[in-house]
């Protein structure tokens, strides 16, 4: 079953995020999830099997000057032991429905170059690689002037 994420899914989402190499406490996830659930232009869905959350997807809209608007997959995780059973495809379909419902004709996903299984999954689902890029990060901390 695929449904919209709820705040009480934070612990399961944190566990799944850790399985993919993005460790976070359930409190950290709860704070992030609360902000996402209360923000326009974002959608988060979970997959349940026998009442247990076994996957999640986060979608958001992107407005860019240089290219057409698109939806982007912020994250997609399926639990160990449930991969290859169609859960990821169902979550992806829910994300794509969310995107279509908001007028987006394109969905983008970024995937670490090391995640070859994920690349094959996305390609099986009709996604095409379009470029390789470097990602840079700068932490903005401290007082602002």
N, C-alpha and C. Protein backbone atom coordinates (compact mmCIF):
# COMPACT_ATOMS: atom_id res chain seq x y z
N UNK A 1 0.84 -1.18 0.00
CA UNK A 1 0.00 0.00 0.00
C UNK A 1 0.88 1.24 0.00
N UNK A 2 0.58 2.17 -0.85
CA UNK A 2 1.29 3.46 -0.91
C UNK A 2 0.35 4.52 -0.34
N UNK A 3 0.88 5.34 0.55
CA UNK A 3 0.08 6.42 1.14
C UNK A 3 0.98 7.63 1.40
N UNK A 4 0.35 8.75 1.67
CA UNK A 4 1.08 9.96 2.04
C UNK A 4 1.76 9.74 3.38
N UNK A 5 2.98 10.20 3.50
CA UNK A 5 3.72 10.07 4.75
C UNK A 5 3.06 10.90 5.84
N UNK A 6 3.23 10.42 7.06
CA UNK A 6 2.74 11.13 8.25
C UNK A 6 3.91 11.35 9.20
N UNK A 7 3.74 12.25 10.12
CA UNK A 7 4.79 12.56 11.08
C UNK A 7 5.18 11.33 11.89
N UNK A 8 4.22 10.45 12.17
CA UNK A 8 4.56 9.26 12.96
C UNK A 8 5.33 8.21 12.16
N UNK A 9 5.65 8.49 10.90
CA UNK A 9 6.50 7.62 10.09
C UNK A 9 7.98 7.95 10.26
N UNK A 10 8.30 8.97 11.05
CA UNK A 10 9.68 9.47 11.15
C UNK A 10 10.67 8.38 11.56
N UNK A 11 10.32 7.54 12.51
CA UNK A 11 11.26 6.51 12.95
C UNK A 11 11.57 5.52 11.82
N UNK A 12 10.54 5.08 11.12
CA UNK A 12 10.75 4.15 10.00
C UNK A 12 11.55 4.81 8.89
N UNK A 13 11.26 6.06 8.59
CA UNK A 13 11.99 6.77 7.54
C UNK A 13 13.45 6.92 7.94
N UNK A 14 13.71 7.20 9.21
CA UNK A 14 15.09 7.32 9.69
C UNK A 14 15.84 6.00 9.53
N UNK A 15 15.19 4.91 9.89
CA UNK A 15 15.82 3.59 9.75
C UNK A 15 16.16 3.31 8.30
N UNK A 16 15.21 3.57 7.40
CA UNK A 16 15.44 3.33 5.98
C UNK A 16 16.54 4.24 5.43
N UNK A 17 16.55 5.48 5.84
CA UNK A 17 17.59 6.40 5.38
C UNK A 17 18.97 5.90 5.79
N UNK A 18 19.07 5.37 6.99
CA UNK A 18 20.33 4.81 7.46
C UNK A 18 20.78 3.63 6.61
N UNK A 19 19.83 2.81 6.15
CA UNK A 19 20.18 1.67 5.30
C UNK A 19 20.82 2.12 3.99
N UNK A 20 20.48 3.31 3.53
CA UNK A 20 21.03 3.81 2.28
C UNK A 20 22.29 4.65 2.50
N UNK A 21 22.69 4.78 3.76
CA UNK A 21 23.92 5.53 4.03
C UNK A 21 23.71 6.97 4.43
N UNK A 22 22.48 7.33 4.80
CA UNK A 22 22.17 8.68 5.25
C UNK A 22 21.62 8.60 6.67
N UNK A 23 22.49 8.34 7.65
CA UNK A 23 22.01 8.17 9.01
C UNK A 23 21.44 9.47 9.58
N UNK A 24 20.35 9.32 10.32
CA UNK A 24 19.72 10.45 11.01
C UNK A 24 18.87 9.86 12.14
N UNK A 25 18.71 10.63 13.17
CA UNK A 25 17.84 10.18 14.27
C UNK A 25 16.38 10.38 13.85
N UNK A 26 15.50 9.68 14.56
CA UNK A 26 14.08 9.87 14.25
C UNK A 26 13.64 11.29 14.59
N UNK A 27 14.29 11.92 15.57
CA UNK A 27 13.97 13.32 15.90
C UNK A 27 14.37 14.25 14.76
N UNK A 28 15.55 14.01 14.19
CA UNK A 28 15.98 14.83 13.05
C UNK A 28 15.03 14.66 11.87
N UNK A 29 14.68 13.41 11.58
CA UNK A 29 13.76 13.14 10.47
C UNK A 29 12.40 13.76 10.76
N UNK A 30 11.93 13.68 12.00
CA UNK A 30 10.62 14.26 12.34
C UNK A 30 10.60 15.76 12.07
N UNK A 31 11.68 16.45 12.43
CA UNK A 31 11.74 17.89 12.18
C UNK A 31 11.73 18.20 10.69
N UNK A 32 12.50 17.44 9.93
CA UNK A 32 12.54 17.65 8.48
C UNK A 32 11.19 17.30 7.85
N UNK A 33 10.64 16.17 8.28
CA UNK A 33 9.37 15.71 7.71
C UNK A 33 8.25 16.70 8.01
N UNK A 34 8.22 17.24 9.22
CA UNK A 34 7.20 18.22 9.57
C UNK A 34 7.27 19.44 8.65
N UNK A 35 8.48 19.91 8.40
CA UNK A 35 8.65 21.06 7.50
C UNK A 35 8.18 20.72 6.10
N UNK A 36 8.52 19.53 5.62
CA UNK A 36 8.14 19.11 4.27
C UNK A 36 6.63 18.95 4.15
N UNK A 37 6.02 18.32 5.15
CA UNK A 37 4.57 18.07 5.10
C UNK A 37 3.77 19.37 5.15
N UNK A 38 4.36 20.41 5.73
CA UNK A 38 3.66 21.70 5.85
C UNK A 38 4.03 22.67 4.74
N UNK A 39 4.83 22.24 3.79
CA UNK A 39 5.29 23.12 2.73
C UNK A 39 4.57 22.79 1.42
N UNK A 40 4.13 23.79 0.74
CA UNK A 40 3.52 23.63 -0.58
C UNK A 40 4.58 23.19 -1.57
N UNK A 41 4.21 22.36 -2.52
CA UNK A 41 5.13 21.99 -3.59
C UNK A 41 6.01 20.79 -3.28
N UNK A 42 5.65 20.04 -2.24
CA UNK A 42 6.41 18.84 -1.90
C UNK A 42 5.45 17.70 -1.62
N UNK A 43 5.87 16.51 -1.96
CA UNK A 43 5.07 15.33 -1.68
C UNK A 43 5.95 14.22 -1.14
N UNK A 44 5.51 13.54 -0.12
CA UNK A 44 6.26 12.42 0.45
C UNK A 44 5.30 11.26 0.66
N UNK A 45 5.70 10.10 0.18
CA UNK A 45 4.86 8.91 0.24
C UNK A 45 5.65 7.76 0.85
N UNK A 46 4.93 6.86 1.51
CA UNK A 46 5.55 5.66 2.06
C UNK A 46 4.86 4.43 1.49
N UNK A 47 5.60 3.34 1.48
CA UNK A 47 5.05 2.03 1.10
C UNK A 47 4.96 1.19 2.36
N UNK A 48 3.82 0.57 2.56
CA UNK A 48 3.62 -0.32 3.70
C UNK A 48 3.40 -1.74 3.22
N UNK A 49 3.99 -2.68 3.94
CA UNK A 49 3.72 -4.10 3.74
C UNK A 49 3.34 -4.65 5.11
N UNK A 50 2.14 -5.19 5.22
CA UNK A 50 1.65 -5.72 6.50
C UNK A 50 1.75 -4.68 7.61
N UNK A 51 1.43 -3.42 7.28
CA UNK A 51 1.43 -2.35 8.26
C UNK A 51 2.79 -1.79 8.63
N UNK A 52 3.84 -2.26 7.98
CA UNK A 52 5.20 -1.79 8.27
C UNK A 52 5.71 -0.96 7.09
N UNK A 53 6.26 0.21 7.39
CA UNK A 53 6.81 1.06 6.34
C UNK A 53 8.10 0.43 5.82
N UNK A 54 8.11 0.14 4.52
CA UNK A 54 9.27 -0.52 3.90
C UNK A 54 9.91 0.33 2.80
N UNK A 55 9.42 1.55 2.61
CA UNK A 55 10.01 2.42 1.61
C UNK A 55 9.39 3.80 1.67
N UNK A 56 10.10 4.75 1.08
CA UNK A 56 9.57 6.11 0.98
C UNK A 56 10.15 6.82 -0.24
N UNK A 57 9.41 7.83 -0.69
CA UNK A 57 9.86 8.70 -1.77
C UNK A 57 9.49 10.14 -1.41
N UNK A 58 10.39 11.05 -1.71
CA UNK A 58 10.15 12.48 -1.49
C UNK A 58 10.26 13.19 -2.84
N UNK A 59 9.25 13.97 -3.17
CA UNK A 59 9.19 14.71 -4.43
C UNK A 59 9.12 16.21 -4.14
N UNK A 60 9.68 16.99 -5.04
CA UNK A 60 9.52 18.44 -4.94
C UNK A 60 9.58 19.06 -6.33
N UNK A 61 9.00 20.22 -6.46
CA UNK A 61 9.00 20.94 -7.73
C UNK A 61 10.21 21.83 -7.84
N UNK A 62 10.73 21.95 -9.07
CA UNK A 62 11.89 22.80 -9.35
C UNK A 62 11.53 23.81 -10.43
N UNK A 63 11.73 25.04 -10.13
CA UNK A 63 11.53 26.10 -11.11
C UNK A 63 12.91 26.66 -11.44
N UNK A 64 13.28 26.61 -12.71
CA UNK A 64 14.59 27.07 -13.12
C UNK A 64 14.46 28.08 -14.26
N UNK A 65 15.40 28.98 -14.34
CA UNK A 65 15.41 29.94 -15.43
C UNK A 65 15.89 29.28 -16.71
N UNK A 66 16.92 28.44 -16.60
CA UNK A 66 17.59 27.91 -17.79
C UNK A 66 16.90 26.72 -18.42
N UNK A 67 15.91 26.14 -17.75
CA UNK A 67 15.24 24.97 -18.32
C UNK A 67 13.80 24.92 -17.84
N UNK A 68 13.04 24.04 -18.46
CA UNK A 68 11.63 23.88 -18.10
C UNK A 68 11.49 23.44 -16.65
N UNK A 69 10.38 23.79 -16.07
CA UNK A 69 10.08 23.34 -14.72
C UNK A 69 10.03 21.81 -14.71
N UNK A 70 10.36 21.25 -13.58
CA UNK A 70 10.33 19.80 -13.46
C UNK A 70 10.07 19.42 -12.01
N UNK A 71 9.73 18.17 -11.82
CA UNK A 71 9.68 17.61 -10.48
C UNK A 71 10.98 16.87 -10.27
N UNK A 72 11.40 16.78 -9.02
CA UNK A 72 12.62 16.05 -8.73
C UNK A 72 12.39 15.09 -7.58
N UNK A 73 13.02 13.95 -7.68
CA UNK A 73 12.98 12.97 -6.60
C UNK A 73 14.07 13.36 -5.61
N UNK A 74 13.66 13.76 -4.43
CA UNK A 74 14.63 14.13 -3.40
C UNK A 74 15.25 12.91 -2.75
N UNK A 75 14.51 11.83 -2.71
CA UNK A 75 15.02 10.60 -2.13
C UNK A 75 14.04 9.47 -2.39
N UNK A 76 14.57 8.28 -2.54
CA UNK A 76 13.76 7.07 -2.73
C UNK A 76 14.52 5.93 -2.07
N UNK A 77 13.91 5.31 -1.08
CA UNK A 77 14.55 4.22 -0.35
C UNK A 77 13.57 3.07 -0.20
N UNK A 78 14.05 1.86 -0.43
CA UNK A 78 13.29 0.64 -0.17
C UNK A 78 14.12 -0.21 0.78
N UNK A 79 13.46 -0.79 1.76
CA UNK A 79 14.14 -1.58 2.79
C UNK A 79 14.87 -2.78 2.21
N UNK A 80 16.00 -3.10 2.83
CA UNK A 80 16.67 -4.36 2.53
C UNK A 80 15.65 -5.48 2.70
N UNK A 81 15.66 -6.41 1.80
CA UNK A 81 14.70 -7.52 1.87
C UNK A 81 13.42 -7.26 1.11
N UNK A 82 13.19 -6.03 0.70
CA UNK A 82 12.00 -5.70 -0.09
C UNK A 82 12.36 -5.17 -1.47
N UNK A 83 13.66 -5.00 -1.71
CA UNK A 83 14.10 -4.53 -3.02
C UNK A 83 13.89 -5.63 -4.05
N UNK A 84 13.51 -5.24 -5.26
CA UNK A 84 13.27 -6.20 -6.32
C UNK A 84 11.89 -6.79 -6.31
N UNK A 85 11.03 -6.33 -5.38
CA UNK A 85 9.67 -6.87 -5.26
C UNK A 85 8.61 -5.92 -5.81
N UNK A 86 9.04 -4.83 -6.44
CA UNK A 86 8.09 -3.89 -7.02
C UNK A 86 7.74 -2.70 -6.15
N UNK A 87 8.26 -2.66 -4.92
CA UNK A 87 7.95 -1.55 -4.01
C UNK A 87 8.49 -0.23 -4.57
N UNK A 88 9.72 -0.24 -5.06
CA UNK A 88 10.32 0.97 -5.62
C UNK A 88 9.54 1.48 -6.82
N UNK A 89 9.10 0.55 -7.67
CA UNK A 89 8.32 0.95 -8.86
C UNK A 89 6.99 1.57 -8.44
N UNK A 90 6.37 1.04 -7.39
CA UNK A 90 5.10 1.60 -6.92
C UNK A 90 5.31 2.99 -6.32
N UNK A 91 6.38 3.15 -5.56
CA UNK A 91 6.69 4.47 -5.01
C UNK A 91 6.98 5.46 -6.13
N UNK A 92 7.74 5.03 -7.11
CA UNK A 92 8.06 5.89 -8.25
C UNK A 92 6.78 6.29 -8.99
N UNK A 93 5.87 5.36 -9.17
CA UNK A 93 4.60 5.66 -9.84
C UNK A 93 3.80 6.69 -9.03
N UNK A 94 3.81 6.57 -7.71
CA UNK A 94 3.12 7.55 -6.86
C UNK A 94 3.75 8.93 -7.01
N UNK A 95 5.08 8.97 -7.05
CA UNK A 95 5.77 10.24 -7.24
C UNK A 95 5.47 10.86 -8.60
N UNK A 96 5.41 10.02 -9.61
CA UNK A 96 5.10 10.52 -10.96
C UNK A 96 3.66 11.02 -11.04
N UNK A 97 2.73 10.35 -10.37
CA UNK A 97 1.34 10.85 -10.32
C UNK A 97 1.30 12.21 -9.64
N UNK A 98 2.06 12.34 -8.54
CA UNK A 98 2.13 13.61 -7.83
C UNK A 98 2.63 14.69 -8.79
N UNK A 99 3.68 14.39 -9.55
CA UNK A 99 4.26 15.36 -10.48
C UNK A 99 3.26 15.75 -11.57
N UNK A 100 2.63 14.76 -12.18
CA UNK A 100 1.64 15.04 -13.24
C UNK A 100 0.50 15.90 -12.70
N UNK A 101 0.07 15.59 -11.49
CA UNK A 101 -1.03 16.33 -10.87
C UNK A 101 -0.71 17.79 -10.62
N UNK A 102 0.56 18.13 -10.64
CA UNK A 102 0.99 19.52 -10.44
C UNK A 102 1.48 20.15 -11.73
N UNK A 103 1.25 19.46 -12.85
CA UNK A 103 1.58 20.03 -14.15
C UNK A 103 3.00 19.83 -14.62
N UNK A 104 3.78 18.99 -13.96
CA UNK A 104 5.15 18.74 -14.39
C UNK A 104 5.16 17.66 -15.46
N UNK A 105 5.89 17.91 -16.54
CA UNK A 105 6.03 16.95 -17.63
C UNK A 105 7.32 16.15 -17.53
N UNK A 106 8.21 16.56 -16.65
CA UNK A 106 9.53 15.94 -16.52
C UNK A 106 9.80 15.65 -15.05
N UNK A 107 10.38 14.48 -14.78
CA UNK A 107 10.85 14.14 -13.44
C UNK A 107 12.35 13.88 -13.53
N UNK A 108 13.10 14.51 -12.65
CA UNK A 108 14.55 14.33 -12.57
C UNK A 108 14.88 13.54 -11.32
N UNK A 109 15.96 12.80 -11.40
CA UNK A 109 16.49 12.13 -10.22
C UNK A 109 18.01 12.19 -10.29
N UNK A 110 18.61 12.43 -9.15
CA UNK A 110 20.07 12.44 -9.05
C UNK A 110 20.45 11.19 -8.25
N UNK A 111 21.46 10.50 -8.74
CA UNK A 111 21.87 9.27 -8.09
C UNK A 111 23.39 9.20 -8.05
N UNK A 112 23.93 8.87 -6.89
CA UNK A 112 25.36 8.75 -6.72
C UNK A 112 25.94 7.81 -7.78
N UNK A 113 27.07 8.18 -8.34
CA UNK A 113 27.67 7.37 -9.41
C UNK A 113 27.99 5.95 -8.94
N UNK A 114 28.11 5.73 -7.64
CA UNK A 114 28.41 4.41 -7.10
C UNK A 114 27.19 3.49 -7.03
N UNK A 115 26.00 4.03 -7.14
CA UNK A 115 24.77 3.25 -6.96
C UNK A 115 24.28 2.65 -8.28
N UNK A 116 25.07 1.71 -8.79
CA UNK A 116 24.76 1.13 -10.10
C UNK A 116 23.43 0.38 -10.11
N UNK A 117 23.07 -0.26 -9.00
CA UNK A 117 21.76 -0.95 -8.94
C UNK A 117 20.62 0.06 -9.12
N UNK A 118 20.78 1.21 -8.46
CA UNK A 118 19.76 2.26 -8.58
C UNK A 118 19.68 2.76 -10.01
N UNK A 119 20.83 2.91 -10.67
CA UNK A 119 20.84 3.38 -12.06
C UNK A 119 20.08 2.40 -12.95
N UNK A 120 20.32 1.11 -12.76
CA UNK A 120 19.60 0.11 -13.56
C UNK A 120 18.10 0.16 -13.28
N UNK A 121 17.72 0.35 -12.01
CA UNK A 121 16.31 0.47 -11.65
C UNK A 121 15.66 1.64 -12.39
N UNK A 122 16.27 2.81 -12.32
CA UNK A 122 15.69 3.99 -12.97
C UNK A 122 15.61 3.79 -14.48
N UNK A 123 16.62 3.19 -15.07
CA UNK A 123 16.57 2.96 -16.51
C UNK A 123 15.47 1.97 -16.87
N UNK A 124 15.26 0.93 -16.07
CA UNK A 124 14.15 0.00 -16.31
C UNK A 124 12.81 0.73 -16.25
N UNK A 125 12.74 1.77 -15.43
CA UNK A 125 11.50 2.53 -15.26
C UNK A 125 11.36 3.67 -16.28
N UNK A 126 12.27 3.73 -17.26
CA UNK A 126 12.14 4.69 -18.34
C UNK A 126 12.95 5.96 -18.19
N UNK A 127 13.77 6.06 -17.16
CA UNK A 127 14.61 7.24 -16.97
C UNK A 127 15.89 7.06 -17.78
N UNK A 128 16.36 8.16 -18.34
CA UNK A 128 17.57 8.13 -19.17
C UNK A 128 18.65 9.00 -18.53
N UNK A 129 19.88 8.50 -18.50
CA UNK A 129 20.96 9.35 -17.98
C UNK A 129 21.19 10.52 -18.92
N UNK A 130 21.36 11.71 -18.36
CA UNK A 130 21.56 12.89 -19.20
C UNK A 130 22.88 13.60 -18.94
N UNK A 131 23.48 13.42 -17.76
CA UNK A 131 24.79 14.03 -17.52
C UNK A 131 25.37 13.51 -16.22
N UNK A 132 26.68 13.66 -16.11
CA UNK A 132 27.40 13.42 -14.88
C UNK A 132 27.85 14.79 -14.37
N UNK A 133 27.80 14.98 -13.08
CA UNK A 133 28.17 16.28 -12.57
C UNK A 133 28.80 16.15 -11.20
N UNK A 134 29.51 17.18 -10.79
CA UNK A 134 30.06 17.26 -9.44
C UNK A 134 29.06 18.05 -8.60
N UNK A 135 28.96 17.70 -7.35
CA UNK A 135 28.08 18.40 -6.43
C UNK A 135 28.96 19.07 -5.38
N UNK A 136 28.73 20.35 -5.16
CA UNK A 136 29.49 21.12 -4.20
C UNK A 136 28.57 21.52 -3.06
N UNK A 137 29.12 21.63 -1.87
CA UNK A 137 28.34 21.98 -0.68
C UNK A 137 29.10 23.02 0.11
N UNK A 138 28.40 24.02 0.58
CA UNK A 138 28.97 25.01 1.49
C UNK A 138 28.01 25.16 2.65
N UNK A 139 28.50 24.99 3.85
CA UNK A 139 27.67 25.16 5.02
C UNK A 139 27.69 26.62 5.42
N UNK A 140 26.52 27.19 5.53
CA UNK A 140 26.37 28.58 5.95
C UNK A 140 26.04 28.59 7.43
N UNK A 141 27.01 28.93 8.22
CA UNK A 141 26.83 28.91 9.66
C UNK A 141 27.25 30.24 10.24
N UNK A 142 26.78 30.52 11.42
CA UNK A 142 27.17 31.73 12.10
C UNK A 142 26.20 32.87 11.84
N UNK A 143 26.46 34.00 12.44
CA UNK A 143 25.56 35.14 12.30
C UNK A 143 25.62 35.75 10.90
N UNK A 144 24.50 36.26 10.47
CA UNK A 144 24.46 36.97 9.19
C UNK A 144 24.65 38.44 9.44
N UNK A 145 25.19 39.12 8.46
CA UNK A 145 25.43 40.56 8.61
C UNK A 145 24.25 41.37 8.22
